[in-house]
Amino acid sequence: KEERGKLEAFLLDTQSQISLLERAVGITFLYTGMRKEDLLNLKLSDIDWAQNVIRYSQDKNGNINVLPLRPVVGNYLLEYIQNERPVGDCEFLFLSKKKVRGKHQRFNISELVNRLYGLTGIRQGRVRKGTHLLRHSLADELVNSGSDLAIVSKILGHKDPETTLGYLSANIEQLRECALDVSHD
């Protein structure tokens, strides 16, 4: 929770010296819980600005997932599209500024997220890193704030809510409330 808060504060701080691409990717991961393959394959046409949803085909199972386009995500996506995204006919939302054979390429999302971890001072050393942790942290945050497991499962694109249980870490404060007092008088 602490690391998620630190990353969120860094991404929302307009003084942070990161590109609009890095900010938009980080914010999108943080607030949608999308898998990295799905974010990498996200197309401009997957953003339905009129309905305020992101509608995409999941790479893992081919199912269509529909997520609310939260204002914070939509605002940073729009800023990236209008001010930094390379102009061209490529359908993918997130593109590198570099060209190969005259075409803009997609980029290494894992490297980008690990760079954000480094800039915020989280996930340093020999600890687990990567994009999937943001998916887990969103699930934790939603459940700990009272969201129904079925809703969290739908957001993550799981067919079975039981799958979502593996994403949740034990909330030590909630566990303490359930513990029996073993103090001796």
Protein backbone atom coordinates (compact mmCIF):
# COMPACT_ATOMS: atom_id res chain seq x y z
CA LYS A 1 0.00 0.00 0.00
CA GLU A 2 2.82 2.36 0.90
CA GLU A 3 4.68 1.69 -2.34
CA ARG A 4 1.51 2.10 -4.40
CA GLY A 5 0.88 5.45 -2.71
CA LYS A 6 4.42 6.60 -3.38
CA LEU A 7 4.20 5.61 -7.06
CA GLU A 8 0.79 7.25 -7.41
CA ALA A 9 2.01 10.51 -5.85
CA PHE A 10 5.03 10.52 -8.16
CA LEU A 11 2.92 9.92 -11.28
CA LEU A 12 0.38 12.58 -10.34
CA ASP A 13 3.07 15.15 -9.53
CA THR A 14 3.37 17.26 -12.66
CA GLN A 15 6.86 18.27 -11.51
CA SER A 16 8.11 14.68 -11.87
CA GLN A 17 10.63 14.61 -14.70
CA ILE A 18 9.07 11.86 -16.79
CA SER A 19 7.61 11.75 -20.26
CA LEU A 20 3.89 11.91 -20.96
CA LEU A 21 4.19 8.33 -22.23
CA GLU A 22 5.66 7.15 -18.92
CA ARG A 23 3.03 9.04 -16.94
CA ALA A 24 0.12 7.76 -19.09
CA VAL A 25 1.35 4.15 -18.98
CA GLY A 26 1.97 4.27 -15.22
CA ILE A 27 -1.41 5.86 -14.46
CA THR A 28 -3.21 3.42 -16.75
CA PHE A 29 -1.59 0.42 -15.05
CA LEU A 30 -2.22 1.84 -11.59
CA TYR A 31 -5.93 2.57 -12.11
CA THR A 32 -7.03 -0.22 -14.47
CA GLY A 33 -5.07 -3.31 -13.42
CA MET A 34 -4.59 -4.28 -17.06
CA ARG A 35 -2.07 -6.97 -17.99
CA LYS A 36 1.05 -5.66 -19.72
CA GLU A 37 0.19 -7.46 -22.96
CA ASP A 38 -3.23 -5.81 -22.98
CA LEU A 39 -1.77 -2.38 -22.33
CA LEU A 40 0.85 -2.89 -25.02
CA ASN A 41 -1.85 -3.98 -27.51
CA LEU A 42 -4.29 -1.21 -26.55
CA LYS A 43 -5.49 0.62 -29.65
CA LEU A 44 -6.71 4.18 -30.05
CA SER A 45 -10.10 2.75 -31.01
CA ASP A 46 -10.31 0.86 -27.68
CA ILE A 47 -10.89 4.14 -25.88
CA ASP A 48 -14.55 5.09 -26.12
CA TRP A 49 -14.50 8.73 -25.09
CA ALA A 50 -18.26 9.15 -25.54
CA GLN A 51 -19.12 6.24 -23.22
CA ASN A 52 -16.10 6.79 -20.91
CA VAL A 53 -14.93 3.19 -21.17
CA ILE A 54 -11.91 1.24 -22.31
CA ARG A 55 -13.05 -1.78 -24.31
CA TYR A 56 -10.35 -4.23 -25.33
CA SER A 57 -9.74 -7.86 -26.19
CA GLN A 58 -7.69 -9.63 -23.53
CA ASP A 59 -4.55 -11.20 -24.93
CA LYS A 60 -4.65 -14.08 -22.44
CA ASN A 61 -8.12 -15.41 -23.25
CA GLY A 62 -9.55 -13.33 -26.10
CA ASN A 63 -12.44 -12.12 -23.96
CA ILE A 64 -13.64 -8.55 -24.30
CA ASN A 65 -13.16 -6.57 -21.11
CA VAL A 66 -14.82 -3.22 -20.47
CA LEU A 67 -13.38 -0.88 -17.87
CA PRO A 68 -14.59 2.53 -16.77
CA LEU A 69 -12.41 5.32 -18.13
CA ARG A 70 -11.70 7.15 -14.92
CA PRO A 71 -11.09 10.88 -15.39
CA VAL A 72 -7.51 10.64 -14.13
CA VAL A 73 -6.72 7.96 -16.73
CA GLY A 74 -8.60 9.71 -19.53
CA ASN A 75 -6.94 13.05 -18.83
CA TYR A 76 -3.40 11.62 -18.94
CA LEU A 77 -4.16 9.50 -22.00
CA LEU A 78 -5.54 12.54 -23.81
CA GLU A 79 -2.54 14.66 -22.82
CA TYR A 80 -0.19 11.97 -24.15
CA ILE A 81 -2.16 11.57 -27.40
CA GLN A 82 -2.35 15.31 -28.07
CA ASN A 83 1.16 16.32 -27.02
CA GLU A 84 3.60 13.44 -27.28
CA ARG A 85 2.24 10.45 -29.18
CA PRO A 86 3.90 10.21 -32.60
CA VAL A 87 1.53 11.13 -35.42
CA GLY A 88 0.92 8.39 -37.94
CA ASP A 89 -1.38 5.63 -39.00
CA CYS A 90 -0.33 3.10 -36.34
CA GLU A 91 -3.40 1.87 -34.48
CA PHE A 92 -1.62 1.17 -31.18
CA LEU A 93 -2.07 3.76 -28.45
CA PHE A 94 1.37 3.64 -26.88
CA LEU A 95 4.30 4.10 -29.22
CA SER A 96 8.00 4.74 -28.93
CA LYS A 97 9.35 7.93 -30.48
CA LYS A 98 11.95 5.79 -32.23
CA LYS A 99 11.32 4.57 -35.75
CA VAL A 100 12.43 1.34 -37.36
CA ARG A 101 12.15 1.23 -41.15
CA GLY A 102 10.12 4.43 -41.03
CA LYS A 103 7.52 3.15 -38.55
CA HIS A 104 7.05 3.97 -34.90
CA GLN A 105 7.49 0.95 -32.70
CA ARG A 106 5.98 -0.22 -29.48
CA PHE A 107 8.33 -0.28 -26.51
CA ASN A 108 9.35 -2.39 -23.53
CA ILE A 109 6.68 -1.75 -20.92
CA SER A 110 8.49 -3.75 -18.23
CA GLU A 111 11.56 -1.54 -18.58
CA LEU A 112 9.39 1.57 -18.35
CA VAL A 113 7.65 0.38 -15.16
CA ASN A 114 10.92 -0.73 -13.58
CA ARG A 115 12.34 2.74 -14.39
CA LEU A 116 9.37 4.28 -12.55
CA TYR A 117 10.09 2.03 -9.57
CA GLY A 118 13.68 3.25 -9.61
CA LEU A 119 12.72 6.91 -9.83
CA THR A 120 10.36 6.56 -6.86
CA GLY A 121 12.80 4.49 -4.81
CA ILE A 122 10.48 1.51 -4.51
CA ARG A 123 11.06 -2.15 -5.40
CA GLN A 124 14.82 -1.71 -5.12
CA GLY A 125 17.35 -4.50 -4.78
CA ARG A 126 16.55 -8.14 -5.25
CA VAL A 127 12.80 -7.90 -4.85
CA ARG A 128 10.04 -8.83 -7.22
CA LYS A 129 9.36 -6.14 -9.82
CA GLY A 130 7.33 -5.78 -12.96
CA THR A 131 3.95 -4.72 -14.19
CA HIS A 132 1.96 -7.54 -12.64
CA LEU A 133 2.52 -6.10 -9.16
CA LEU A 134 0.39 -3.10 -10.15
CA ARG A 135 -2.43 -5.49 -11.00
CA HIS A 136 -2.12 -7.13 -7.60
CA SER A 137 -1.96 -3.80 -5.79
CA LEU A 138 -5.14 -2.57 -7.50
CA ALA A 139 -6.95 -5.76 -6.45
CA ASP A 140 -5.75 -5.29 -2.87
CA GLU A 141 -6.78 -1.65 -2.81
CA LEU A 142 -10.25 -2.36 -4.19
CA VAL A 143 -10.99 -5.23 -1.81
CA ASN A 144 -9.56 -3.38 1.21
CA SER A 145 -11.75 -0.39 0.41
CA GLY A 146 -14.86 -2.59 0.45
CA SER A 147 -15.35 -3.52 -3.21
CA ASP A 148 -17.09 -6.81 -3.82
CA LEU A 149 -14.80 -9.62 -5.00
CA ALA A 150 -17.02 -10.21 -8.05
CA ILE A 151 -16.52 -6.58 -9.15
CA VAL A 152 -12.75 -6.80 -8.65
CA SER A 153 -12.74 -10.04 -10.62
CA LYS A 154 -14.59 -8.35 -13.49
CA ILE A 155 -12.19 -5.40 -13.51
CA LEU A 156 -9.22 -7.78 -13.71
CA GLY A 157 -10.94 -9.76 -16.45
CA HIS A 158 -11.15 -13.02 -14.50
CA LYS A 159 -13.98 -15.39 -15.39
CA ASP A 160 -13.98 -16.89 -11.91
CA PRO A 161 -13.79 -14.71 -8.77
CA GLU A 162 -11.80 -17.53 -7.12
CA THR A 163 -8.91 -16.64 -9.44
CA THR A 164 -8.89 -13.15 -7.97
CA LEU A 165 -8.29 -14.49 -4.46
CA GLY A 166 -4.72 -15.36 -5.46
CA TYR A 167 -4.13 -11.67 -6.13
CA LEU A 168 -4.93 -10.53 -2.63
CA SER A 169 -2.42 -10.17 0.14
CA ALA A 170 -3.36 -10.50 3.76
CA ASN A 171 -4.41 -7.19 5.25
CA ILE A 172 -2.55 -7.32 8.57
CA GLU A 173 -4.76 -4.65 10.17
CA GLN A 174 -7.95 -6.56 9.32
CA LEU A 175 -6.37 -9.76 10.64
CA ARG A 176 -5.47 -8.04 13.93
CA GLU A 177 -9.13 -7.07 14.40
CA CYS A 178 -10.04 -10.78 14.19
CA ALA A 179 -7.32 -11.96 16.56
CA LEU A 180 -8.07 -13.10 20.09
CA ASP A 181 -6.53 -11.17 22.95
CA VAL A 182 -3.94 -13.43 24.59
CA SER A 183 -2.63 -10.92 27.11
CA HIS A 184 -2.37 -12.08 30.73
CA ASP A 185 -3.40 -9.98 33.70
